[in-house]
PDB file of N, CA and C in Angstrom:
ATOM      1  N   MET A   1      41.444  15.453 -38.034  1.00  0.00           N
ATOM      2  CA  MET A   1      40.745  15.114 -36.974  1.00  0.00           C
ATOM      3  C   MET A   1      41.285  15.850 -35.759  1.00  0.00           C
ATOM      4  N   ALA A   2      42.520  15.948 -35.821  1.00  0.00           N
ATOM      5  CA  ALA A   2      43.651  16.650 -34.586  1.00  0.00           C
ATOM      6  C   ALA A   2      42.544  17.647 -33.750  1.00  0.00           C
ATOM      7  N   GLU A   3      42.414  18.463 -35.317  1.00  0.00           N
ATOM      8  CA  GLU A   3      42.022  19.921 -34.704  1.00  0.00           C
ATOM      9  C   GLU A   3      40.644  19.784 -34.110  1.00  0.00           C
ATOM     10  N   VAL A   4      39.604  19.100 -34.634  1.00  0.00           N
ATOM     11  CA  VAL A   4      37.976  18.933 -34.409  1.00  0.00           C
ATOM     12  C   VAL A   4      37.984  18.658 -33.073  1.00  0.00           C
ATOM     13  N   ALA A   5      39.131  17.288 -32.939  1.00  0.00           N
ATOM     14  CA  ALA A   5      39.148  17.205 -31.446  1.00  0.00           C
ATOM     15  C   ALA A   5      39.914  18.120 -30.113  1.00  0.00           C
ATOM     16  N   LYS A   6      40.523  18.878 -30.811  1.00  0.00           N
ATOM     17  CA  LYS A   6      40.986  20.108 -30.001  1.00  0.00           C
ATOM     18  C   LYS A   6      39.962  21.121 -29.735  1.00  0.00           C
ATOM     19  N   ARG A   7      39.327  21.133 -30.510  1.00  0.00           N
ATOM     20  CA  ARG A   7      38.038  22.511 -30.672  1.00  0.00           C
ATOM     21  C   ARG A   7      37.102  21.570 -29.604  1.00  0.00           C
ATOM     22  N   LEU A   8      36.607  20.636 -29.446  1.00  0.00           N
ATOM     23  CA  LEU A   8      35.772  19.748 -28.697  1.00  0.00           C
ATOM     24  C   LEU A   8      36.154  19.615 -27.436  1.00  0.00           C
ATOM     25  N   SER A   9      37.441  19.815 -27.152  1.00  0.00           N
ATOM     26  CA  SER A   9      38.226  19.570 -25.724  1.00  0.00           C
ATOM     27  C   SER A   9      38.012  17.781 -25.612  1.00  0.00           C
ATOM     28  N   LEU A  10      38.271  17.039 -26.627  1.00  0.00           N
ATOM     29  CA  LEU A  10      38.236  15.633 -26.288  1.00  0.00           C
ATOM     30  C   LEU A  10      39.686  15.048 -27.145  1.00  0.00           C
ATOM     31  N   PRO A  11      39.797  13.893 -26.049  1.00  0.00           N
ATOM     32  CA  PRO A  11      41.262  13.122 -26.473  1.00  0.00           C
ATOM     33  C   PRO A  11      40.626  12.388 -28.042  1.00  0.00           C
ATOM     34  N   LYS A  12      41.891  13.002 -28.951  1.00  0.00           N
ATOM     35  CA  LYS A  12      41.642  12.615 -30.086  1.00  0.00           C
ATOM     36  C   LYS A  12      41.457  10.758 -30.389  1.00  0.00           C
ATOM     37  N   SER A  13      41.776  10.037 -29.661  1.00  0.00           N
ATOM     38  CA  SER A  13      41.603   9.168 -29.407  1.00  0.00           C
ATOM     39  C   SER A  13      40.280   8.624 -29.478  1.00  0.00           C
ATOM     40  N   SER A  14      38.917   9.128 -28.738  1.00  0.00           N
ATOM     41  CA  SER A  14      37.768   9.308 -28.396  1.00  0.00           C
ATOM     42  C   SER A  14      37.307   9.534 -30.053  1.00  0.00           C
ATOM     43  N   LEU A  15      37.375  10.728 -30.406  1.00  0.00           N
ATOM     44  CA  LEU A  15      37.052  10.977 -31.608  1.00  0.00           C
ATOM     45  C   LEU A  15      36.993   9.718 -32.743  1.00  0.00           C
ATOM     46  N   ASN A  16      38.790   9.694 -32.874  1.00  0.00           N
ATOM     47  CA  ASN A  16      38.591   8.304 -33.571  1.00  0.00           C
ATOM     48  C   ASN A  16      37.681   7.665 -33.389  1.00  0.00           C
ATOM     49  N   HIS A  17      37.534   6.600 -32.084  1.00  0.00           N
ATOM     50  CA  HIS A  17      36.487   5.425 -31.781  1.00  0.00           C
ATOM     51  C   HIS A  17      35.394   5.856 -32.444  1.00  0.00           C
ATOM     52  N   TRP A  18      34.831   6.696 -31.933  1.00  0.00           N
ATOM     53  CA  TRP A  18      33.350   7.242 -32.937  1.00  0.00           C
ATOM     54  C   TRP A  18      33.375   7.341 -33.937  1.00  0.00           C
ATOM     55  N   VAL A  19      34.530   7.899 -34.694  1.00  0.00           N
ATOM     56  CA  VAL A  19      34.442   8.252 -36.013  1.00  0.00           C
ATOM     57  C   VAL A  19      34.046   6.795 -36.354  1.00  0.00           C
ATOM     58  N   VAL A  20      35.102   5.617 -36.362  1.00  0.00           N
ATOM     59  CA  VAL A  20      35.240   4.441 -36.993  1.00  0.00           C
ATOM     60  C   VAL A  20      33.893   3.648 -36.598  1.00  0.00           C
ATOM     61  N   ALA A  21      33.305   3.960 -35.235  1.00  0.00           N
ATOM     62  CA  ALA A  21      31.934   3.099 -34.811  1.00  0.00           C
ATOM     63  C   ALA A  21      30.976   3.312 -35.698  1.00  0.00           C
ATOM     64  N   ALA A  22      31.017   4.963 -36.021  1.00  0.00           N
ATOM     65  CA  ALA A  22      29.819   5.473 -36.814  1.00  0.00           C
ATOM     66  C   ALA A  22      30.028   4.780 -38.331  1.00  0.00           C
ATOM     67  N   ARG A  23      31.289   4.731 -39.131  1.00  0.00           N
ATOM     68  CA  ARG A  23      31.209   4.163 -40.248  1.00  0.00           C
ATOM     69  C   ARG A  23      30.530   2.533 -40.212  1.00  0.00           C
ATOM     70  N   LYS A  24      31.252   1.997 -39.455  1.00  0.00           N
ATOM     71  CA  LYS A  24      30.700   0.912 -39.152  1.00  0.00           C
ATOM     72  C   LYS A  24      29.144   0.879 -38.749  1.00  0.00           C
ATOM     73  N   GLY A  25      28.525   1.766 -38.663  1.00  0.00           N
ATOM     74  CA  GLY A  25      26.882   1.355 -38.495  1.00  0.00           C
ATOM     75  C   GLY A  25      26.873   1.061 -36.928  1.00  0.00           C
ATOM     76  N   LYS A  26      27.786   1.372 -36.380  1.00  0.00           N
ATOM     77  CA  LYS A  26      27.381   0.829 -34.631  1.00  0.00           C
ATOM     78  C   LYS A  26      27.712   1.871 -33.874  1.00  0.00           C
ATOM     79  N   LEU A  27      27.420   2.948 -33.841  1.00  0.00           N
ATOM     80  CA  LEU A  27      26.996   3.927 -33.234  1.00  0.00           C
ATOM     81  C   LEU A  27      25.834   4.343 -33.095  1.00  0.00           C
ATOM     82  N   THR A  28      25.363   4.269 -31.300  1.00  0.00           N
ATOM     83  CA  THR A  28      24.303   4.064 -30.913  1.00  0.00           C
ATOM     84  C   THR A  28      23.625   5.836 -30.952  1.00  0.00           C
ATOM     85  N   PRO A  29      22.368   5.945 -31.398  1.00  0.00           N
ATOM     86  CA  PRO A  29      21.896   7.144 -31.269  1.00  0.00           C
ATOM     87  C   PRO A  29      21.613   7.745 -29.365  1.00  0.00           C
ATOM     88  N   VAL A  30      23.054   8.732 -29.365  1.00  0.00           N
ATOM     89  CA  VAL A  30      23.057   9.263 -28.213  1.00  0.00           C
ATOM     90  C   VAL A  30      21.717  10.742 -27.868  1.00  0.00           C
ATOM     91  N   GLY A  31      20.649  10.964 -27.006  1.00  0.00           N
ATOM     92  CA  GLY A  31      20.548  12.427 -27.107  1.00  0.00           C
ATOM     93  C   GLY A  31      19.295  12.551 -27.804  1.00  0.00           C
ATOM     94  N   LYS A  32      18.825  11.802 -28.324  1.00  0.00           N
ATOM     95  CA  LYS A  32      17.880  11.323 -29.403  1.00  0.00           C
ATOM     96  C   LYS A  32      16.494  12.249 -28.338  1.00  0.00           C
ATOM     97  N   ASN A  33      16.359  11.605 -27.357  1.00  0.00           N
ATOM     98  CA  ASN A  33      15.144  12.406 -26.798  1.00  0.00           C
ATOM     99  C   ASN A  33      15.609  13.746 -25.870  1.00  0.00           C
ATOM    100  N   GLN A  34      17.039  14.351 -26.440  1.00  0.00           N
ATOM    101  CA  GLN A  34      17.257  15.428 -25.394  1.00  0.00           C
ATOM    102  C   GLN A  34      16.687  16.772 -26.226  1.00  0.00           C
ATOM    103  N   LYS A  35      16.517  17.832 -25.709  1.00  0.00           N
ATOM    104  CA  LYS A  35      16.173  19.275 -26.166  1.00  0.00           C
ATOM    105  C   LYS A  35      17.507  19.925 -26.818  1.00  0.00           C
ATOM    106  N   PRO A  36      17.566  20.768 -27.903  1.00  0.00           N
ATOM    107  CA  PRO A  36      18.997  21.192 -28.028  1.00  0.00           C
ATOM    108  C   PRO A  36      18.942  22.390 -27.160  1.00  0.00           C
ATOM    109  N   VAL A  37      20.714  22.422 -26.907  1.00  0.00           N
ATOM    110  CA  VAL A  37      20.933  23.601 -26.395  1.00  0.00           C
ATOM    111  C   VAL A  37      20.863  24.726 -27.080  1.00  0.00           C
ATOM    112  N   SER A  38      20.241  25.822 -26.123  1.00  0.00           N
ATOM    113  CA  SER A  38      19.614  27.233 -26.469  1.00  0.00           C
ATOM    114  C   SER A  38      21.539  27.772 -26.598  1.00  0.00           C
ATOM    115  N   GLU A  39      21.525  28.887 -27.376  1.00  0.00           N
ATOM    116  CA  GLU A  39      22.284  29.989 -27.392  1.00  0.00           C
ATOM    117  C   GLU A  39      22.668  30.556 -25.826  1.00  0.00           C
ATOM    118  N   LEU A  40      21.905  30.772 -25.667  1.00  0.00           N
ATOM    119  CA  LEU A  40      21.927  31.444 -24.052  1.00  0.00           C
ATOM    120  C   LEU A  40      23.097  30.241 -23.147  1.00  0.00           C
ATOM    121  N   GLU A  41      22.542  28.770 -23.162  1.00  0.00           N
ATOM    122  CA  GLU A  41      23.311  27.762 -22.698  1.00  0.00           C
ATOM    123  C   GLU A  41      24.693  27.924 -23.113  1.00  0.00           C
ATOM    124  N   MET A  42      24.820  27.632 -24.491  1.00  0.00           N
ATOM    125  CA  MET A  42      26.456  27.995 -25.065  1.00  0.00           C
ATOM    126  C   MET A  42      27.251  28.698 -24.575  1.00  0.00           C
ATOM    127  N   GLU A  43      26.492  29.875 -24.574  1.00  0.00           N
ATOM    128  CA  GLU A  43      27.335  31.147 -24.136  1.00  0.00           C
ATOM    129  C   GLU A  43      27.626  31.123 -22.935  1.00  0.00           C
ATOM    130  N   LEU A  44      27.126  30.516 -21.926  1.00  0.00           N
ATOM    131  CA  LEU A  44      27.142  30.374 -20.210  1.00  0.00           C
ATOM    132  C   LEU A  44      28.068  29.258 -20.446  1.00  0.00           C
ATOM    133  N   SER A  45      28.124  28.391 -21.143  1.00  0.00           N
ATOM    134  CA  SER A  45      29.426  26.905 -21.119  1.00  0.00           C
ATOM    135  C   SER A  45      30.921  27.797 -21.406  1.00  0.00           C
ATOM    136  N   LYS A  46      30.794  28.142 -22.583  1.00  0.00           N
ATOM    137  CA  LYS A  46      31.672  28.921 -23.335  1.00  0.00           C
ATOM    138  C   LYS A  46      32.322  29.859 -22.360  1.00  0.00           C
ATOM    139  N   ARG A  47      31.658  31.091 -21.268  1.00  0.00           N
ATOM    140  CA  ARG A  47      32.308  31.934 -20.419  1.00  0.00           C
ATOM    141  C   ARG A  47      32.583  31.182 -19.123  1.00  0.00           C
ATOM    142  N   SER A  48      31.856  30.095 -18.980  1.00  0.00           N
ATOM    143  CA  SER A  48      32.445  29.265 -17.736  1.00  0.00           C
ATOM    144  C   SER A  48      34.233  28.532 -17.892  1.00  0.00           C
ATOM    145  N   GLN A  49      33.919  27.846 -19.316  1.00  0.00           N
ATOM    146  CA  GLN A  49      35.702  27.614 -19.638  1.00  0.00           C
ATOM    147  C   GLN A  49      36.404  28.527 -19.486  1.00  0.00           C
ATOM    148  N   GLN A  50      35.896  29.690 -20.095  1.00  0.00           N
ATOM    149  CA  GLN A  50      36.981  30.908 -20.094  1.00  0.00           C
ATOM    150  C   GLN A  50      37.583  31.376 -18.550  1.00  0.00           C
ATOM    151  N   THR A  51      36.379  31.324 -17.836  1.00  0.00           N
ATOM    152  CA  THR A  51      36.591  31.903 -16.462  1.00  0.00           C
ATOM    153  C   THR A  51      37.805  30.581 -15.593  1.00  0.00           C
ATOM    154  N   GLU A  52      37.348  29.468 -16.221  1.00  0.00           N
ATOM    155  CA  GLU A  52      38.433  28.302 -15.465  1.00  0.00           C
ATOM    156  C   GLU A  52      39.957  28.730 -15.851  1.00  0.00           C
ATOM    157  N   LYS A  53      40.298  28.755 -17.354  1.00  0.00           N
ATOM    158  CA  LYS A  53      41.565  28.882 -17.791  1.00  0.00           C
ATOM    159  C   LYS A  53      42.098  30.135 -16.951  1.00  0.00           C
ATOM    160  N   VAL A  54      40.871  31.298 -17.098  1.00  0.00           N
ATOM    161  CA  VAL A  54      41.840  32.241 -16.459  1.00  0.00           C
ATOM    162  C   VAL A  54      42.125  32.063 -14.740  1.00  0.00           C
ATOM    163  N   GLU A  55      41.238  31.302 -14.026  1.00  0.00           N
ATOM    164  CA  GLU A  55      41.702  30.897 -12.820  1.00  0.00           C
ATOM    165  C   GLU A  55      42.985  30.135 -12.806  1.00  0.00           C
ATOM    166  N   LYS A  56      43.142  28.753 -13.647  1.00  0.00           N
ATOM    167  CA  LYS A  56      44.003  28.230 -13.797  1.00  0.00           C
ATOM    168  C   LYS A  56      45.645  29.279 -13.810  1.00  0.00           C
ATOM    169  N   ILE A  57      45.410  29.931 -14.723  1.00  0.00           N
ATOM    170  CA  ILE A  57      46.589  30.977 -15.106  1.00  0.00           C
ATOM    171  C   ILE A  57      46.891  31.784 -13.728  1.00  0.00           C
ATOM    172  N   GLY A  58      45.655  32.530 -13.121  1.00  0.00           N
ATOM    173  CA  GLY A  58      46.134  33.517 -11.789  1.00  0.00           C
ATOM    174  C   GLY A  58      46.509  32.881 -10.753  1.00  0.00           C
ATOM    175  N   ARG A  59      46.847  31.260 -10.740  1.00  0.00           N
ATOM    176  CA  ARG A  59      47.118  30.504  -9.764  1.00  0.00           C
ATOM    177  C   ARG A  59      48.845  30.475  -9.401  1.00  0.00           C
TER     178      ARG A  59
END
């Protein structure tokens, strides 16, 4: 679970809480009415994160 949290850039405790809630059937359906993220939006998000990391290193 630690690796998954790291890949999602989430605290391990948050992911753990969600998993426990899902197993108990208490996880509410979030984003049910949202449109899927396009490949272009995913790529833009990835590049933005990479730019932030590079800018932090340059400081």
